[in-house]
Amino acid sequence: MEEKFCGVWGHLREEYLKANQPALYELMLEKNELDEYLTGYQSAYSNRAEKMAEKLAAERGVDDNLYKTDSLEWILAYEKIQEEVQSILQKEIQQ
């Protein structure tokens, strides 16, 4: 069986299903629905992560002006935002 790449978010959901809902996971595999489900999950959560990061960046002043005045501070602040978004969404995916 060929395994398709389903992205970070799809992979996290797949791991959750395997560990916590194995019957559902096996059923989706048998019906050939898993790849489509995980691809959709990846797409939805990628969009969600991007919007969350943009919102947090705007709220915290992590914008072009900061980048122009202190690019290192911008990079560190944006990495922190990305980590925060990933943590929030990881917890959500594993429910």
PDB file of N, CA and C in Angstrom:
ATOM      1  N   MET A   1       0.844  -1.179   0.000  1.00  0.00           N
ATOM      2  CA  MET A   1       0.000   0.000   0.000  1.00  0.00           C
ATOM      3  C   MET A   1       0.885   1.238   0.000  1.00  0.00           C
ATOM      4  N   GLU A   2       0.647   2.140  -0.938  1.00  0.00           N
ATOM      5  CA  GLU A   2       1.427   3.359  -1.054  1.00  0.00           C
ATOM      6  C   GLU A   2       0.893   4.404  -0.080  1.00  0.00           C
ATOM      7  N   GLU A   3       1.807   4.996   0.671  1.00  0.00           N
ATOM      8  CA  GLU A   3       1.410   6.009   1.639  1.00  0.00           C
ATOM      9  C   GLU A   3       1.587   7.383   1.011  1.00  0.00           C
ATOM     10  N   LYS A   4       0.577   8.216   1.097  1.00  0.00           N
ATOM     11  CA  LYS A   4       0.632   9.557   0.539  1.00  0.00           C
ATOM     12  C   LYS A   4       1.014  10.539   1.633  1.00  0.00           C
ATOM     13  N   PHE A   5       1.673  11.604   1.213  1.00  0.00           N
ATOM     14  CA  PHE A   5       2.012  12.665   2.155  1.00  0.00           C
ATOM     15  C   PHE A   5       0.773  13.512   2.375  1.00  0.00           C
ATOM     16  N   CYS A   6       0.409  13.686   3.631  1.00  0.00           N
ATOM     17  CA  CYS A   6      -0.811  14.434   3.933  1.00  0.00           C
ATOM     18  C   CYS A   6      -0.519  15.694   4.733  1.00  0.00           C
ATOM     19  N   GLY A   7       0.734  16.097   4.846  1.00  0.00           N
ATOM     20  CA  GLY A   7       1.091  17.324   5.543  1.00  0.00           C
ATOM     21  C   GLY A   7       1.162  17.136   7.048  1.00  0.00           C
ATOM     22  N   VAL A   8       1.646  18.166   7.693  1.00  0.00           N
ATOM     23  CA  VAL A   8       1.826  18.130   9.150  1.00  0.00           C
ATOM     24  C   VAL A   8       0.506  17.923   9.875  1.00  0.00           C
ATOM     25  N   TRP A   9      -0.492  18.696   9.497  1.00  0.00           N
ATOM     26  CA  TRP A   9      -1.778  18.633  10.204  1.00  0.00           C
ATOM     27  C   TRP A   9      -2.497  17.327   9.917  1.00  0.00           C
ATOM     28  N   GLY A  10      -2.462  16.878   8.684  1.00  0.00           N
ATOM     29  CA  GLY A  10      -3.070  15.598   8.337  1.00  0.00           C
ATOM     30  C   GLY A  10      -2.377  14.444   9.048  1.00  0.00           C
ATOM     31  N   HIS A  11      -1.060  14.519   9.134  1.00  0.00           N
ATOM     32  CA  HIS A  11      -0.301  13.472   9.824  1.00  0.00           C
ATOM     33  C   HIS A  11      -0.648  13.432  11.316  1.00  0.00           C
ATOM     34  N   LEU A  12      -0.741  14.603  11.931  1.00  0.00           N
ATOM     35  CA  LEU A  12      -1.113  14.641  13.354  1.00  0.00           C
ATOM     36  C   LEU A  12      -2.491  14.018  13.577  1.00  0.00           C
ATOM     37  N   ARG A  13      -3.427  14.319  12.681  1.00  0.00           N
ATOM     38  CA  ARG A  13      -4.767  13.755  12.814  1.00  0.00           C
ATOM     39  C   ARG A  13      -4.741  12.243  12.591  1.00  0.00           C
ATOM     40  N   GLU A  14      -3.942  11.803  11.627  1.00  0.00           N
ATOM     41  CA  GLU A  14      -3.837  10.371  11.364  1.00  0.00           C
ATOM     42  C   GLU A  14      -3.293   9.642  12.592  1.00  0.00           C
ATOM     43  N   GLU A  15      -2.264  10.186  13.198  1.00  0.00           N
ATOM     44  CA  GLU A  15      -1.686   9.575  14.401  1.00  0.00           C
ATOM     45  C   GLU A  15      -2.707   9.532  15.538  1.00  0.00           C
ATOM     46  N   TYR A  16      -3.486  10.602  15.668  1.00  0.00           N
ATOM     47  CA  TYR A  16      -4.530  10.622  16.693  1.00  0.00           C
ATOM     48  C   TYR A  16      -5.563   9.527  16.427  1.00  0.00           C
ATOM     49  N   LEU A  17      -6.015   9.421  15.195  1.00  0.00           N
ATOM     50  CA  LEU A  17      -7.016   8.405  14.865  1.00  0.00           C
ATOM     51  C   LEU A  17      -6.487   6.992  15.121  1.00  0.00           C
ATOM     52  N   LYS A  18      -5.261   6.731  14.714  1.00  0.00           N
ATOM     53  CA  LYS A  18      -4.663   5.410  14.940  1.00  0.00           C
ATOM     54  C   LYS A  18      -4.652   5.057  16.424  1.00  0.00           C
ATOM     55  N   ALA A  19      -4.265   6.020  17.241  1.00  0.00           N
ATOM     56  CA  ALA A  19      -4.094   5.762  18.671  1.00  0.00           C
ATOM     57  C   ALA A  19      -5.400   5.771  19.452  1.00  0.00           C
ATOM     58  N   ASN A  20      -6.339   6.614  19.049  1.00  0.00           N
ATOM     59  CA  ASN A  20      -7.532   6.833  19.872  1.00  0.00           C
ATOM     60  C   ASN A  20      -8.848   6.389  19.254  1.00  0.00           C
ATOM     61  N   GLN A  21      -8.871   6.229  17.949  1.00  0.00           N
ATOM     62  CA  GLN A  21     -10.085   5.783  17.275  1.00  0.00           C
ATOM     63  C   GLN A  21      -9.719   4.755  16.193  1.00  0.00           C
ATOM     64  N   PRO A  22      -9.090   3.657  16.618  1.00  0.00           N
ATOM     65  CA  PRO A  22      -8.594   2.686  15.635  1.00  0.00           C
ATOM     66  C   PRO A  22      -9.693   2.079  14.762  1.00  0.00           C
ATOM     67  N   ALA A  23     -10.875   1.898  15.298  1.00  0.00           N
ATOM     68  CA  ALA A  23     -11.964   1.323  14.492  1.00  0.00           C
ATOM     69  C   ALA A  23     -12.343   2.276  13.359  1.00  0.00           C
ATOM     70  N   LEU A  24     -12.459   3.552  13.672  1.00  0.00           N
ATOM     71  CA  LEU A  24     -12.773   4.553  12.655  1.00  0.00           C
ATOM     72  C   LEU A  24     -11.642   4.639  11.626  1.00  0.00           C
ATOM     73  N   TYR A  25     -10.422   4.611  12.106  1.00  0.00           N
ATOM     74  CA  TYR A  25      -9.257   4.655  11.217  1.00  0.00           C
ATOM     75  C   TYR A  25      -9.289   3.471  10.237  1.00  0.00           C
ATOM     76  N   GLU A  26      -9.500   2.280  10.740  1.00  0.00           N
ATOM     77  CA  GLU A  26      -9.541   1.084   9.885  1.00  0.00           C
ATOM     78  C   GLU A  26     -10.706   1.144   8.903  1.00  0.00           C
ATOM     79  N   LEU A  27     -11.851   1.627   9.357  1.00  0.00           N
ATOM     80  CA  LEU A  27     -13.014   1.749   8.476  1.00  0.00           C
ATOM     81  C   LEU A  27     -12.721   2.711   7.328  1.00  0.00           C
ATOM     82  N   MET A  28     -12.108   3.846   7.646  1.00  0.00           N
ATOM     83  CA  MET A  28     -11.765   4.814   6.611  1.00  0.00           C
ATOM     84  C   MET A  28     -10.753   4.225   5.626  1.00  0.00           C
ATOM     85  N   LEU A  29      -9.818   3.442   6.136  1.00  0.00           N
ATOM     86  CA  LEU A  29      -8.854   2.768   5.253  1.00  0.00           C
ATOM     87  C   LEU A  29      -9.561   1.789   4.321  1.00  0.00           C
ATOM     88  N   GLU A  30     -10.448   0.960   4.883  1.00  0.00           N
ATOM     89  CA  GLU A  30     -11.175  -0.035   4.095  1.00  0.00           C
ATOM     90  C   GLU A  30     -12.024   0.603   3.004  1.00  0.00           C
ATOM     91  N   LYS A  31     -12.618   1.742   3.316  1.00  0.00           N
ATOM     92  CA  LYS A  31     -13.488   2.429   2.357  1.00  0.00           C
ATOM     93  C   LYS A  31     -12.715   3.377   1.434  1.00  0.00           C
ATOM     94  N   ASN A  32     -11.384   3.382   1.568  1.00  0.00           N
ATOM     95  CA  ASN A  32     -10.532   4.286   0.784  1.00  0.00           C
ATOM     96  C   ASN A  32     -10.926   5.757   0.965  1.00  0.00           C
ATOM     97  N   GLU A  33     -11.282   6.126   2.179  1.00  0.00           N
ATOM     98  CA  GLU A  33     -11.678   7.499   2.489  1.00  0.00           C
ATOM     99  C   GLU A  33     -10.602   8.253   3.277  1.00  0.00           C
ATOM    100  N   LEU A  34      -9.602   7.550   3.752  1.00  0.00           N
ATOM    101  CA  LEU A  34      -8.623   8.161   4.651  1.00  0.00           C
ATOM    102  C   LEU A  34      -7.812   9.260   3.968  1.00  0.00           C
ATOM    103  N   ASP A  35      -7.284   9.001   2.779  1.00  0.00           N
ATOM    104  CA  ASP A  35      -6.460   9.998   2.092  1.00  0.00           C
ATOM    105  C   ASP A  35      -7.220  11.297   1.849  1.00  0.00           C
ATOM    106  N   GLU A  36      -8.444  11.172   1.378  1.00  0.00           N
ATOM    107  CA  GLU A  36      -9.255  12.363   1.114  1.00  0.00           C
ATOM    108  C   GLU A  36      -9.542  13.113   2.414  1.00  0.00           C
ATOM    109  N   TYR A  37      -9.854  12.380   3.458  1.00  0.00           N
ATOM    110  CA  TYR A  37     -10.122  12.985   4.769  1.00  0.00           C
ATOM    111  C   TYR A  37      -8.891  13.738   5.266  1.00  0.00           C
ATOM    112  N   LEU A  38      -7.736  13.102   5.211  1.00  0.00           N
ATOM    113  CA  LEU A  38      -6.514  13.728   5.721  1.00  0.00           C
ATOM    114  C   LEU A  38      -6.085  14.914   4.867  1.00  0.00           C
ATOM    115  N   THR A  39      -6.276  14.818   3.568  1.00  0.00           N
ATOM    116  CA  THR A  39      -5.958  15.935   2.677  1.00  0.00           C
ATOM    117  C   THR A  39      -6.850  17.132   2.997  1.00  0.00           C
ATOM    118  N   GLY A  40      -8.119  16.879   3.212  1.00  0.00           N
ATOM    119  CA  GLY A  40      -9.039  17.946   3.602  1.00  0.00           C
ATOM    120  C   GLY A  40      -8.678  18.548   4.942  1.00  0.00           C
ATOM    121  N   TYR A  41      -8.294  17.701   5.862  1.00  0.00           N
ATOM    122  CA  TYR A  41      -7.872  18.150   7.191  1.00  0.00           C
ATOM    123  C   TYR A  41      -6.641  19.035   7.075  1.00  0.00           C
ATOM    124  N   GLN A  42      -5.674  18.600   6.264  1.00  0.00           N
ATOM    125  CA  GLN A  42      -4.452  19.376   6.057  1.00  0.00           C
ATOM    126  C   GLN A  42      -4.782  20.746   5.485  1.00  0.00           C
ATOM    127  N   SER A  43      -5.614  20.777   4.490  1.00  0.00           N
ATOM    128  CA  SER A  43      -5.980  22.040   3.852  1.00  0.00           C
ATOM    129  C   SER A  43      -6.671  22.988   4.828  1.00  0.00           C
ATOM    130  N   ALA A  44      -7.633  22.462   5.552  1.00  0.00           N
ATOM    131  CA  ALA A  44      -8.382  23.293   6.497  1.00  0.00           C
ATOM    132  C   ALA A  44      -7.483  23.840   7.598  1.00  0.00           C
ATOM    133  N   TYR A  45      -6.629  22.994   8.141  1.00  0.00           N
ATOM    134  CA  TYR A  45      -5.784  23.437   9.240  1.00  0.00           C
ATOM    135  C   TYR A  45      -4.623  24.309   8.769  1.00  0.00           C
ATOM    136  N   SER A  46      -4.159  24.137   7.565  1.00  0.00           N
ATOM    137  CA  SER A  46      -3.142  25.040   7.021  1.00  0.00           C
ATOM    138  C   SER A  46      -3.720  26.446   6.909  1.00  0.00           C
ATOM    139  N   ASN A  47      -4.914  26.534   6.365  1.00  0.00           N
ATOM    140  CA  ASN A  47      -5.590  27.836   6.254  1.00  0.00           C
ATOM    141  C   ASN A  47      -5.836  28.442   7.627  1.00  0.00           C
ATOM    142  N   ARG A  48      -6.276  27.619   8.534  1.00  0.00           N
ATOM    143  CA  ARG A  48      -6.560  28.086   9.896  1.00  0.00           C
ATOM    144  C   ARG A  48      -5.292  28.584  10.586  1.00  0.00           C
ATOM    145  N   ALA A  49      -4.204  27.844  10.438  1.00  0.00           N
ATOM    146  CA  ALA A  49      -2.932  28.236  11.047  1.00  0.00           C
ATOM    147  C   ALA A  49      -2.453  29.566  10.479  1.00  0.00           C
ATOM    148  N   GLU A  50      -2.579  29.723   9.183  1.00  0.00           N
ATOM    149  CA  GLU A  50      -2.149  30.968   8.544  1.00  0.00           C
ATOM    150  C   GLU A  50      -2.957  32.157   9.053  1.00  0.00           C
ATOM    151  N   LYS A  51      -4.270  32.003   9.135  1.00  0.00           N
ATOM    152  CA  LYS A  51      -5.129  33.088   9.616  1.00  0.00           C
ATOM    153  C   LYS A  51      -4.846  33.421  11.096  1.00  0.00           C
ATOM    154  N   MET A  52      -4.647  32.390  11.907  1.00  0.00           N
ATOM    155  CA  MET A  52      -4.336  32.614  13.321  1.00  0.00           C
ATOM    156  C   MET A  52      -3.013  33.355  13.465  1.00  0.00           C
ATOM    157  N   ALA A  53      -2.007  32.952  12.705  1.00  0.00           N
ATOM    158  CA  ALA A  53      -0.697  33.597  12.774  1.00  0.00           C
ATOM    159  C   ALA A  53      -0.796  35.053  12.327  1.00  0.00           C
ATOM    160  N   GLU A  54      -1.533  35.301  11.260  1.00  0.00           N
ATOM    161  CA  GLU A  54      -1.713  36.682  10.782  1.00  0.00           C
ATOM    162  C   GLU A  54      -2.400  37.538  11.837  1.00  0.00           C
ATOM    163  N   LYS A  55      -3.428  36.995  12.468  1.00  0.00           N
ATOM    164  CA  LYS A  55      -4.158  37.744  13.495  1.00  0.00           C
ATOM    165  C   LYS A  55      -3.254  38.049  14.694  1.00  0.00           C
ATOM    166  N   LEU A  56      -2.542  37.042  15.172  1.00  0.00           N
ATOM    167  CA  LEU A  56      -1.653  37.257  16.320  1.00  0.00           C
ATOM    168  C   LEU A  56      -0.536  38.241  15.974  1.00  0.00           C
ATOM    169  N   ALA A  57       0.003  38.139  14.776  1.00  0.00           N
ATOM    170  CA  ALA A  57       1.057  39.065  14.359  1.00  0.00           C
ATOM    171  C   ALA A  57       0.543  40.501  14.344  1.00  0.00           C
ATOM    172  N   ALA A  58      -0.659  40.697  13.817  1.00  0.00           N
ATOM    173  CA  ALA A  58      -1.242  42.045  13.781  1.00  0.00           C
ATOM    174  C   ALA A  58      -1.484  42.570  15.196  1.00  0.00           C
ATOM    175  N   GLU A  59      -2.017  41.716  16.062  1.00  0.00           N
ATOM    176  CA  GLU A  59      -2.283  42.125  17.438  1.00  0.00           C
ATOM    177  C   GLU A  59      -1.008  42.501  18.189  1.00  0.00           C
ATOM    178  N   ARG A  60       0.098  41.865  17.835  1.00  0.00           N
ATOM    179  CA  ARG A  60       1.360  42.060  18.560  1.00  0.00           C
ATOM    180  C   ARG A  60       2.340  42.999  17.853  1.00  0.00           C
ATOM    181  N   GLY A  61       1.899  43.573  16.753  1.00  0.00           N
ATOM    182  CA  GLY A  61       2.754  44.523  16.041  1.00  0.00           C
ATOM    183  C   GLY A  61       3.918  43.881  15.302  1.00  0.00           C
ATOM    184  N   VAL A  62       3.773  42.619  14.968  1.00  0.00           N
ATOM    185  CA  VAL A  62       4.805  41.918  14.210  1.00  0.00           C
ATOM    186  C   VAL A  62       4.459  42.119  12.731  1.00  0.00           C
ATOM    187  N   ASP A  63       4.923  43.246  12.192  1.00  0.00           N
ATOM    188  CA  ASP A  63       4.529  43.654  10.853  1.00  0.00           C
ATOM    189  C   ASP A  63       5.741  44.121  10.046  1.00  0.00           C
ATOM    190  N   ASP A  64       5.475  44.676   8.872  1.00  0.00           N
ATOM    191  CA  ASP A  64       6.551  45.133   7.992  1.00  0.00           C
ATOM    192  C   ASP A  64       7.400  46.221   8.636  1.00  0.00           C
ATOM    193  N   ASN A  65       6.769  47.087   9.421  1.00  0.00           N
ATOM    194  CA  ASN A  65       7.527  48.146  10.083  1.00  0.00           C
ATOM    195  C   ASN A  65       8.553  47.563  11.044  1.00  0.00           C
ATOM    196  N   LEU A  66       8.150  46.571  11.810  1.00  0.00           N
ATOM    197  CA  LEU A  66       9.087  45.926  12.728  1.00  0.00           C
ATOM    198  C   LEU A  66      10.199  45.249  11.939  1.00  0.00           C
ATOM    199  N   TYR A  67       9.833  44.595  10.849  1.00  0.00           N
ATOM    200  CA  TYR A  67      10.835  43.915  10.032  1.00  0.00           C
ATOM    201  C   TYR A  67      11.876  44.906   9.505  1.00  0.00           C
ATOM    202  N   LYS A  68      11.401  46.073   9.086  1.00  0.00           N
ATOM    203  CA  LYS A  68      12.311  47.085   8.544  1.00  0.00           C
ATOM    204  C   LYS A  68      13.228  47.662   9.616  1.00  0.00           C
ATOM    205  N   THR A  69      12.711  47.793  10.833  1.00  0.00           N
ATOM    206  CA  THR A  69      13.519  48.401  11.898  1.00  0.00           C
ATOM    207  C   THR A  69      14.370  47.386  12.655  1.00  0.00           C
ATOM    208  N   ASP A  70      13.864  46.163  12.805  1.00  0.00           N
ATOM    209  CA  ASP A  70      14.612  45.144  13.551  1.00  0.00           C
ATOM    210  C   ASP A  70      14.202  43.760  13.059  1.00  0.00           C
ATOM    211  N   SER A  71      14.842  43.317  11.990  1.00  0.00           N
ATOM    212  CA  SER A  71      14.440  42.046  11.366  1.00  0.00           C
ATOM    213  C   SER A  71      14.649  40.856  12.296  1.00  0.00           C
ATOM    214  N   LEU A  72      15.680  40.881  13.128  1.00  0.00           N
ATOM    215  CA  LEU A  72      15.903  39.781  14.051  1.00  0.00           C
ATOM    216  C   LEU A  72      14.755  39.679  15.063  1.00  0.00           C
ATOM    217  N   GLU A  73      14.330  40.811  15.591  1.00  0.00           N
ATOM    218  CA  GLU A  73      13.200  40.808  16.529  1.00  0.00           C
ATOM    219  C   GLU A  73      11.939  40.285  15.836  1.00  0.00           C
ATOM    220  N   TRP A  74      11.735  40.687  14.576  1.00  0.00           N
ATOM    221  CA  TRP A  74      10.576  40.219  13.815  1.00  0.00           C
ATOM    222  C   TRP A  74      10.616  38.701  13.662  1.00  0.00           C
ATOM    223  N   ILE A  75      11.787  38.176  13.297  1.00  0.00           N
ATOM    224  CA  ILE A  75      11.931  36.727  13.111  1.00  0.00           C
ATOM    225  C   ILE A  75      11.631  35.980  14.403  1.00  0.00           C
ATOM    226  N   LEU A  76      12.209  36.433  15.496  1.00  0.00           N
ATOM    227  CA  LEU A  76      11.980  35.766  16.789  1.00  0.00           C
ATOM    228  C   LEU A  76      10.521  35.837  17.202  1.00  0.00           C
ATOM    229  N   ALA A  77       9.912  37.001  17.017  1.00  0.00           N
ATOM    230  CA  ALA A  77       8.497  37.168  17.381  1.00  0.00           C
ATOM    231  C   ALA A  77       7.608  36.290  16.516  1.00  0.00           C
ATOM    232  N   TYR A  78       7.898  36.208  15.216  1.00  0.00           N
ATOM    233  CA  TYR A  78       7.065  35.414  14.331  1.00  0.00           C
ATOM    234  C   TYR A  78       7.242  33.916  14.598  1.00  0.00           C
ATOM    235  N   GLU A  79       8.451  33.496  14.920  1.00  0.00           N
ATOM    236  CA  GLU A  79       8.667  32.089  15.285  1.00  0.00           C
ATOM    237  C   GLU A  79       7.879  31.728  16.537  1.00  0.00           C
ATOM    238  N   LYS A  80       7.841  32.644  17.493  1.00  0.00           N
ATOM    239  CA  LYS A  80       7.071  32.414  18.718  1.00  0.00           C
ATOM    240  C   LYS A  80       5.579  32.276  18.390  1.00  0.00           C
ATOM    241  N   ILE A  81       5.097  33.117  17.498  1.00  0.00           N
ATOM    242  CA  ILE A  81       3.695  33.035  17.068  1.00  0.00           C
ATOM    243  C   ILE A  81       3.427  31.691  16.402  1.00  0.00           C
ATOM    244  N   GLN A  82       4.321  31.264  15.518  1.00  0.00           N
ATOM    245  CA  GLN A  82       4.147  29.976  14.836  1.00  0.00           C
ATOM    246  C   GLN A  82       4.099  28.822  15.835  1.00  0.00           C
ATOM    247  N   GLU A  83       4.967  28.855  16.827  1.00  0.00           N
ATOM    248  CA  GLU A  83       4.973  27.808  17.858  1.00  0.00           C
ATOM    249  C   GLU A  83       3.661  27.809  18.643  1.00  0.00           C
ATOM    250  N   GLU A  84       3.177  28.999  18.963  1.00  0.00           N
ATOM    251  CA  GLU A  84       1.916  29.124  19.709  1.00  0.00           C
ATOM    252  C   GLU A  84       0.743  28.572  18.899  1.00  0.00           C
ATOM    253  N   VAL A  85       0.691  28.928  17.630  1.00  0.00           N
ATOM    254  CA  VAL A  85      -0.377  28.445  16.749  1.00  0.00           C
ATOM    255  C   VAL A  85      -0.306  26.923  16.643  1.00  0.00           C
ATOM    256  N   GLN A  86       0.882  26.399  16.454  1.00  0.00           N
ATOM    257  CA  GLN A  86       1.028  24.950  16.336  1.00  0.00           C
ATOM    258  C   GLN A  86       0.573  24.247  17.611  1.00  0.00           C
ATOM    259  N   SER A  87       0.920  24.796  18.752  1.00  0.00           N
ATOM    260  CA  SER A  87       0.514  24.197  20.023  1.00  0.00           C
ATOM    261  C   SER A  87      -1.004  24.195  20.179  1.00  0.00           C
ATOM    262  N   ILE A  88      -1.629  25.302  19.870  1.00  0.00           N
ATOM    263  CA  ILE A  88      -3.091  25.425  19.975  1.00  0.00           C
ATOM    264  C   ILE A  88      -3.777  24.413  19.056  1.00  0.00           C
ATOM    265  N   LEU A  89      -3.333  24.364  17.808  1.00  0.00           N
ATOM    266  CA  LEU A  89      -3.988  23.487  16.835  1.00  0.00           C
ATOM    267  C   LEU A  89      -3.693  22.017  17.095  1.00  0.00           C
ATOM    268  N   GLN A  90      -2.497  21.705  17.593  1.00  0.00           N
ATOM    269  CA  GLN A  90      -2.188  20.316  17.933  1.00  0.00           C
ATOM    270  C   GLN A  90      -3.151  19.798  18.991  1.00  0.00           C
ATOM    271  N   LYS A  91      -3.405  20.610  20.003  1.00  0.00           N
ATOM    272  CA  LYS A  91      -4.332  20.198  21.070  1.00  0.00           C
ATOM    273  C   LYS A  91      -5.735  19.987  20.495  1.00  0.00           C
ATOM    274  N   GLU A  92      -6.127  20.861  19.584  1.00  0.00           N
ATOM    275  CA  GLU A  92      -7.452  20.764  18.980  1.00  0.00           C
ATOM    276  C   GLU A  92      -7.581  19.515  18.108  1.00  0.00           C
ATOM    277  N   ILE A  93      -6.558  19.227  17.332  1.00  0.00           N
ATOM    278  CA  ILE A  93      -6.580  18.070  16.441  1.00  0.00           C
ATOM    279  C   ILE A  93      -6.672  16.775  17.224  1.00  0.00           C
ATOM    280  N   GLN A  94      -6.111  16.752  18.399  1.00  0.00           N
ATOM    281  CA  GLN A  94      -6.067  15.534  19.195  1.00  0.00           C
ATOM    282  C   GLN A  94      -7.275  15.404  20.116  1.00  0.00           C
ATOM    283  N   GLN A  95      -8.395  15.915  19.666  1.00  0.00           N
ATOM    284  CA  GLN A  95      -9.640  15.789  20.430  1.00  0.00           C
ATOM    285  C   GLN A  95     -10.624  14.932  19.683  1.00  0.00           C
TER     286      GLN A  95
END
